[in-house]
Amino acid sequence: VPNQSITEAAQLPGGWLTEAYMCGGGMSDWFSMGDLVQGDDLYIGLIGESFGTDLDLHVWGDPDGDNMFERMTSSADFGNVEEIDTTVPHSGRFYFEVRDFGGYGGYYDIGWSSP
């Protein structure tokens, strides 16, 4: 499934865990979480499976409804584990981006949940 941009984002239902593959060289994978409700808890977890994998995780939303998505929060720690545990800041459609930071790419497990 091509998902290298927000317009090609793959739908990933809440509560699912999936394995994905990231090409190296600064690529991104995009996933849609659909519509979320302001005030709900949101958790996203990512674990890189390959040696040397360094992936960053970003959440994108549209706070004013103009269809211009903005980065809401990020997890960009060094290493193969990224987590975001936050409160949904506004109701609407949300996406998350997995970005290759280390240049190696590799397999990773990704999942998210919100009530």
N, C-alpha and C. Protein backbone atom coordinates (compact mmCIF):
# COMPACT_ATOMS: atom_id res chain seq x y z
N VAL A 1 0.85 -1.18 0.00
CA VAL A 1 0.00 0.00 0.00
C VAL A 1 0.89 1.24 0.00
N PRO A 2 0.81 2.07 -1.04
CA PRO A 2 1.60 3.31 -1.01
C PRO A 2 1.04 4.25 0.06
N ASN A 3 1.91 4.75 0.90
CA ASN A 3 1.48 5.67 1.95
C ASN A 3 2.59 6.65 2.31
N GLN A 4 3.24 7.20 1.28
CA GLN A 4 4.35 8.10 1.52
C GLN A 4 3.95 9.57 1.66
N SER A 5 2.65 9.85 1.69
CA SER A 5 2.19 11.23 1.90
C SER A 5 0.86 11.20 2.65
N ILE A 6 0.46 12.33 3.17
CA ILE A 6 -0.79 12.42 3.92
C ILE A 6 -1.99 12.09 3.03
N THR A 7 -1.90 12.41 1.75
CA THR A 7 -3.01 12.13 0.83
C THR A 7 -3.10 10.65 0.47
N GLU A 8 -2.04 9.89 0.72
CA GLU A 8 -2.03 8.45 0.46
C GLU A 8 -2.02 7.63 1.74
N ALA A 9 -2.37 8.26 2.88
CA ALA A 9 -2.27 7.60 4.18
C ALA A 9 -3.11 6.33 4.23
N ALA A 10 -2.52 5.28 4.77
CA ALA A 10 -3.22 4.01 4.97
C ALA A 10 -4.07 4.11 6.23
N GLN A 11 -5.32 3.63 6.15
CA GLN A 11 -6.20 3.62 7.33
C GLN A 11 -5.72 2.53 8.27
N LEU A 12 -5.47 2.88 9.54
CA LEU A 12 -5.09 1.92 10.56
C LEU A 12 -6.07 2.04 11.71
N PRO A 13 -6.99 1.08 11.84
CA PRO A 13 -7.99 1.17 12.91
C PRO A 13 -7.35 1.14 14.29
N GLY A 14 -7.95 1.87 15.23
CA GLY A 14 -7.48 1.87 16.61
C GLY A 14 -7.54 0.48 17.20
N GLY A 15 -6.54 0.15 18.01
CA GLY A 15 -6.47 -1.15 18.64
C GLY A 15 -5.74 -2.20 17.82
N TRP A 16 -5.45 -1.89 16.57
CA TRP A 16 -4.71 -2.83 15.71
C TRP A 16 -3.22 -2.60 15.89
N LEU A 17 -2.46 -3.66 15.74
CA LEU A 17 -1.01 -3.60 15.69
C LEU A 17 -0.62 -4.16 14.34
N THR A 18 0.23 -3.47 13.62
CA THR A 18 0.64 -3.94 12.30
C THR A 18 2.15 -3.83 12.15
N GLU A 19 2.68 -4.68 11.29
CA GLU A 19 4.09 -4.60 10.94
C GLU A 19 4.19 -3.88 9.61
N ALA A 20 5.15 -2.99 9.50
CA ALA A 20 5.35 -2.23 8.27
C ALA A 20 6.84 -2.20 7.95
N TYR A 21 7.15 -1.78 6.73
CA TYR A 21 8.54 -1.67 6.32
C TYR A 21 8.80 -0.25 5.83
N MET A 22 9.88 0.33 6.32
CA MET A 22 10.28 1.68 5.95
C MET A 22 11.52 1.60 5.07
N CYS A 23 11.43 2.17 3.87
CA CYS A 23 12.63 2.32 3.05
C CYS A 23 13.53 3.37 3.71
N GLY A 24 14.81 3.28 3.54
CA GLY A 24 15.73 4.24 4.15
C GLY A 24 15.73 5.56 3.41
N GLY A 25 16.66 6.40 3.78
CA GLY A 25 16.87 7.65 3.06
C GLY A 25 15.89 8.76 3.36
N GLY A 26 15.40 8.83 4.61
CA GLY A 26 14.52 9.93 4.99
C GLY A 26 13.08 9.81 4.53
N MET A 27 12.64 8.62 4.16
CA MET A 27 11.26 8.40 3.71
C MET A 27 10.29 8.53 4.89
N SER A 28 8.99 8.62 4.57
CA SER A 28 7.93 8.65 5.57
C SER A 28 6.83 7.68 5.20
N ASP A 29 6.20 7.10 6.21
CA ASP A 29 4.96 6.35 6.06
C ASP A 29 3.88 7.12 6.81
N TRP A 30 2.70 7.22 6.19
CA TRP A 30 1.58 7.96 6.78
C TRP A 30 0.42 7.01 7.04
N PHE A 31 -0.25 7.21 8.20
CA PHE A 31 -1.41 6.42 8.58
C PHE A 31 -2.53 7.35 9.05
N SER A 32 -3.75 7.02 8.67
CA SER A 32 -4.92 7.79 9.11
C SER A 32 -5.55 7.11 10.32
N MET A 33 -5.88 7.91 11.34
CA MET A 33 -6.59 7.41 12.50
C MET A 33 -8.08 7.74 12.41
N GLY A 34 -8.48 8.42 11.34
CA GLY A 34 -9.87 8.81 11.19
C GLY A 34 -10.20 9.97 12.10
N ASP A 35 -11.47 10.10 12.46
CA ASP A 35 -11.93 11.21 13.30
C ASP A 35 -11.80 10.86 14.78
N LEU A 36 -11.19 11.77 15.54
CA LEU A 36 -11.03 11.62 16.98
C LEU A 36 -11.77 12.75 17.68
N VAL A 37 -12.03 12.56 18.98
CA VAL A 37 -12.83 13.50 19.76
C VAL A 37 -11.95 14.23 20.76
N GLN A 38 -12.11 15.55 20.81
CA GLN A 38 -11.36 16.39 21.75
C GLN A 38 -11.49 15.84 23.16
N GLY A 39 -10.36 15.78 23.87
CA GLY A 39 -10.35 15.34 25.27
C GLY A 39 -10.09 13.86 25.45
N ASP A 40 -10.23 13.06 24.39
CA ASP A 40 -9.94 11.63 24.51
C ASP A 40 -8.44 11.40 24.67
N ASP A 41 -8.08 10.32 25.34
CA ASP A 41 -6.68 9.91 25.43
C ASP A 41 -6.26 9.31 24.10
N LEU A 42 -5.00 9.51 23.73
CA LEU A 42 -4.45 8.96 22.50
C LEU A 42 -3.08 8.40 22.81
N TYR A 43 -2.87 7.13 22.44
CA TYR A 43 -1.59 6.48 22.61
C TYR A 43 -1.16 5.88 21.28
N ILE A 44 0.09 6.14 20.88
CA ILE A 44 0.69 5.54 19.69
C ILE A 44 2.03 4.97 20.10
N GLY A 45 2.28 3.72 19.73
CA GLY A 45 3.54 3.06 20.04
C GLY A 45 4.20 2.51 18.79
N LEU A 46 5.51 2.67 18.70
CA LEU A 46 6.29 2.22 17.55
C LEU A 46 7.56 1.55 18.06
N ILE A 47 7.85 0.37 17.51
CA ILE A 47 9.09 -0.34 17.84
C ILE A 47 9.76 -0.75 16.54
N GLY A 48 10.97 -0.27 16.32
CA GLY A 48 11.76 -0.67 15.16
C GLY A 48 12.36 -2.04 15.39
N GLU A 49 12.23 -2.92 14.41
CA GLU A 49 12.70 -4.30 14.57
C GLU A 49 14.11 -4.51 14.06
N SER A 50 14.62 -3.63 13.23
CA SER A 50 15.91 -3.83 12.58
C SER A 50 17.02 -3.11 13.32
N PHE A 51 18.22 -3.69 13.33
CA PHE A 51 19.37 -3.06 13.95
C PHE A 51 19.65 -1.72 13.25
N GLY A 52 19.85 -0.68 14.03
CA GLY A 52 20.15 0.63 13.48
C GLY A 52 18.93 1.47 13.13
N THR A 53 17.74 0.91 13.29
CA THR A 53 16.53 1.65 12.96
C THR A 53 16.36 2.83 13.91
N ASP A 54 16.17 4.01 13.36
CA ASP A 54 15.86 5.21 14.15
C ASP A 54 14.73 5.93 13.44
N LEU A 55 13.52 5.70 13.91
CA LEU A 55 12.32 6.27 13.30
C LEU A 55 11.73 7.29 14.24
N ASP A 56 11.18 8.37 13.70
CA ASP A 56 10.49 9.39 14.49
C ASP A 56 9.00 9.29 14.21
N LEU A 57 8.21 9.76 15.17
CA LEU A 57 6.76 9.65 15.12
C LEU A 57 6.15 11.04 15.30
N HIS A 58 5.24 11.43 14.39
CA HIS A 58 4.61 12.75 14.44
C HIS A 58 3.09 12.60 14.27
N VAL A 59 2.33 13.37 15.04
CA VAL A 59 0.86 13.40 14.92
C VAL A 59 0.46 14.70 14.24
N TRP A 60 -0.43 14.59 13.25
CA TRP A 60 -0.89 15.73 12.47
C TRP A 60 -2.40 15.87 12.62
N GLY A 61 -2.87 17.11 12.79
CA GLY A 61 -4.30 17.40 12.88
C GLY A 61 -4.63 18.72 12.19
N ASP A 62 -5.91 19.00 12.10
CA ASP A 62 -6.41 20.20 11.42
C ASP A 62 -7.24 21.01 12.41
N PRO A 63 -6.59 21.83 13.28
CA PRO A 63 -7.31 22.47 14.37
C PRO A 63 -8.38 23.48 13.95
N ASP A 64 -8.24 24.11 12.79
CA ASP A 64 -9.23 25.12 12.40
C ASP A 64 -10.11 24.68 11.23
N GLY A 65 -10.00 23.42 10.81
CA GLY A 65 -10.90 22.88 9.79
C GLY A 65 -10.66 23.39 8.38
N ASP A 66 -9.48 23.95 8.11
CA ASP A 66 -9.21 24.49 6.77
C ASP A 66 -8.52 23.48 5.84
N ASN A 67 -8.40 22.24 6.30
CA ASN A 67 -7.78 21.16 5.54
C ASN A 67 -6.27 21.37 5.34
N MET A 68 -5.67 22.20 6.19
CA MET A 68 -4.23 22.42 6.22
C MET A 68 -3.72 21.79 7.53
N PHE A 69 -3.19 20.59 7.44
CA PHE A 69 -2.82 19.85 8.63
C PHE A 69 -1.52 20.36 9.22
N GLU A 70 -1.48 20.39 10.56
CA GLU A 70 -0.34 20.90 11.31
C GLU A 70 0.17 19.81 12.24
N ARG A 71 1.49 19.83 12.50
CA ARG A 71 2.05 18.88 13.45
C ARG A 71 1.58 19.25 14.85
N MET A 72 0.95 18.28 15.52
CA MET A 72 0.39 18.52 16.86
C MET A 72 1.38 18.13 17.95
N THR A 73 2.09 17.01 17.77
CA THR A 73 3.06 16.53 18.75
C THR A 73 3.98 15.52 18.08
N SER A 74 5.11 15.26 18.72
CA SER A 74 6.10 14.35 18.14
C SER A 74 6.81 13.54 19.22
N SER A 75 7.38 12.44 18.79
CA SER A 75 8.32 11.66 19.59
C SER A 75 9.51 11.39 18.69
N ALA A 76 10.65 11.96 19.03
CA ALA A 76 11.83 11.85 18.17
C ALA A 76 13.05 11.47 18.99
N ASP A 77 12.88 10.47 19.85
CA ASP A 77 14.00 10.00 20.66
C ASP A 77 14.98 9.22 19.80
N PHE A 78 16.23 9.16 20.22
CA PHE A 78 17.22 8.35 19.54
C PHE A 78 16.93 6.88 19.84
N GLY A 79 16.95 6.05 18.83
CA GLY A 79 16.75 4.62 19.04
C GLY A 79 15.54 4.10 18.31
N ASN A 80 15.15 2.88 18.67
CA ASN A 80 14.12 2.18 17.90
C ASN A 80 12.75 2.17 18.57
N VAL A 81 12.53 2.91 19.66
CA VAL A 81 11.23 2.95 20.33
C VAL A 81 10.75 4.39 20.39
N GLU A 82 9.52 4.60 19.93
CA GLU A 82 8.88 5.93 20.02
C GLU A 82 7.48 5.75 20.59
N GLU A 83 7.06 6.65 21.47
CA GLU A 83 5.72 6.61 22.04
C GLU A 83 5.17 8.01 22.15
N ILE A 84 3.87 8.12 21.90
CA ILE A 84 3.14 9.36 22.15
C ILE A 84 1.96 8.99 23.01
N ASP A 85 1.83 9.66 24.14
CA ASP A 85 0.73 9.46 25.07
C ASP A 85 0.22 10.86 25.40
N THR A 86 -0.93 11.23 24.83
CA THR A 86 -1.40 12.61 24.92
C THR A 86 -2.92 12.66 24.96
N THR A 87 -3.46 13.85 25.04
CA THR A 87 -4.90 14.09 24.96
C THR A 87 -5.20 14.72 23.61
N VAL A 88 -6.25 14.27 22.96
CA VAL A 88 -6.65 14.82 21.65
C VAL A 88 -7.00 16.30 21.84
N PRO A 89 -6.29 17.21 21.15
CA PRO A 89 -6.46 18.64 21.40
C PRO A 89 -7.73 19.25 20.80
N HIS A 90 -8.30 18.63 19.77
CA HIS A 90 -9.52 19.14 19.13
C HIS A 90 -10.16 17.98 18.38
N SER A 91 -11.44 18.07 18.14
CA SER A 91 -12.13 17.03 17.36
C SER A 91 -11.79 17.18 15.89
N GLY A 92 -11.72 16.06 15.19
CA GLY A 92 -11.45 16.09 13.76
C GLY A 92 -10.61 14.93 13.32
N ARG A 93 -10.19 14.98 12.07
CA ARG A 93 -9.38 13.92 11.45
C ARG A 93 -7.92 14.07 11.86
N PHE A 94 -7.30 12.92 12.18
CA PHE A 94 -5.91 12.90 12.60
C PHE A 94 -5.12 11.85 11.81
N TYR A 95 -3.84 12.15 11.65
CA TYR A 95 -2.90 11.26 10.97
C TYR A 95 -1.65 11.14 11.82
N PHE A 96 -0.92 10.05 11.64
CA PHE A 96 0.43 10.03 12.18
C PHE A 96 1.41 9.64 11.09
N GLU A 97 2.60 10.18 11.23
CA GLU A 97 3.68 9.98 10.26
C GLU A 97 4.83 9.27 10.96
N VAL A 98 5.34 8.22 10.34
CA VAL A 98 6.55 7.55 10.78
C VAL A 98 7.64 7.98 9.80
N ARG A 99 8.66 8.66 10.31
CA ARG A 99 9.71 9.20 9.44
C ARG A 99 11.05 8.52 9.77
N ASP A 100 11.74 8.11 8.72
CA ASP A 100 13.08 7.53 8.87
C ASP A 100 14.06 8.65 9.20
N PHE A 101 14.66 8.58 10.36
CA PHE A 101 15.63 9.59 10.76
C PHE A 101 17.06 9.09 10.56
N GLY A 102 17.30 7.81 10.84
CA GLY A 102 18.65 7.28 10.81
C GLY A 102 19.19 6.95 9.44
N GLY A 103 18.30 6.87 8.44
CA GLY A 103 18.74 6.58 7.09
C GLY A 103 18.82 5.11 6.74
N TYR A 104 18.47 4.23 7.71
CA TYR A 104 18.58 2.80 7.48
C TYR A 104 17.25 2.14 7.13
N GLY A 105 16.14 2.74 7.53
CA GLY A 105 14.85 2.12 7.31
C GLY A 105 14.73 0.84 8.13
N GLY A 106 13.88 -0.07 7.65
CA GLY A 106 13.72 -1.36 8.31
C GLY A 106 12.29 -1.64 8.71
N TYR A 107 12.07 -2.82 9.24
CA TYR A 107 10.75 -3.22 9.71
C TYR A 107 10.43 -2.58 11.05
N TYR A 108 9.14 -2.30 11.27
CA TYR A 108 8.70 -1.77 12.55
C TYR A 108 7.27 -2.21 12.83
N ASP A 109 6.93 -2.25 14.12
CA ASP A 109 5.57 -2.52 14.58
C ASP A 109 4.96 -1.20 15.03
N ILE A 110 3.71 -0.98 14.64
CA ILE A 110 3.04 0.28 14.98
C ILE A 110 1.60 0.00 15.37
N GLY A 111 1.11 0.71 16.37
CA GLY A 111 -0.29 0.60 16.77
C GLY A 111 -0.69 1.83 17.55
N TRP A 112 -2.00 2.01 17.66
CA TRP A 112 -2.51 3.17 18.39
C TRP A 112 -3.85 2.81 19.02
N SER A 113 -4.22 3.61 20.04
CA SER A 113 -5.52 3.41 20.68
C SER A 113 -6.06 4.73 21.20
N SER A 114 -7.38 4.83 21.18
CA SER A 114 -8.11 5.95 21.74
C SER A 114 -9.52 5.44 22.00
N PRO A 115 -10.12 5.83 23.11
CA PRO A 115 -11.46 5.28 23.41
C PRO A 115 -12.48 5.52 22.32
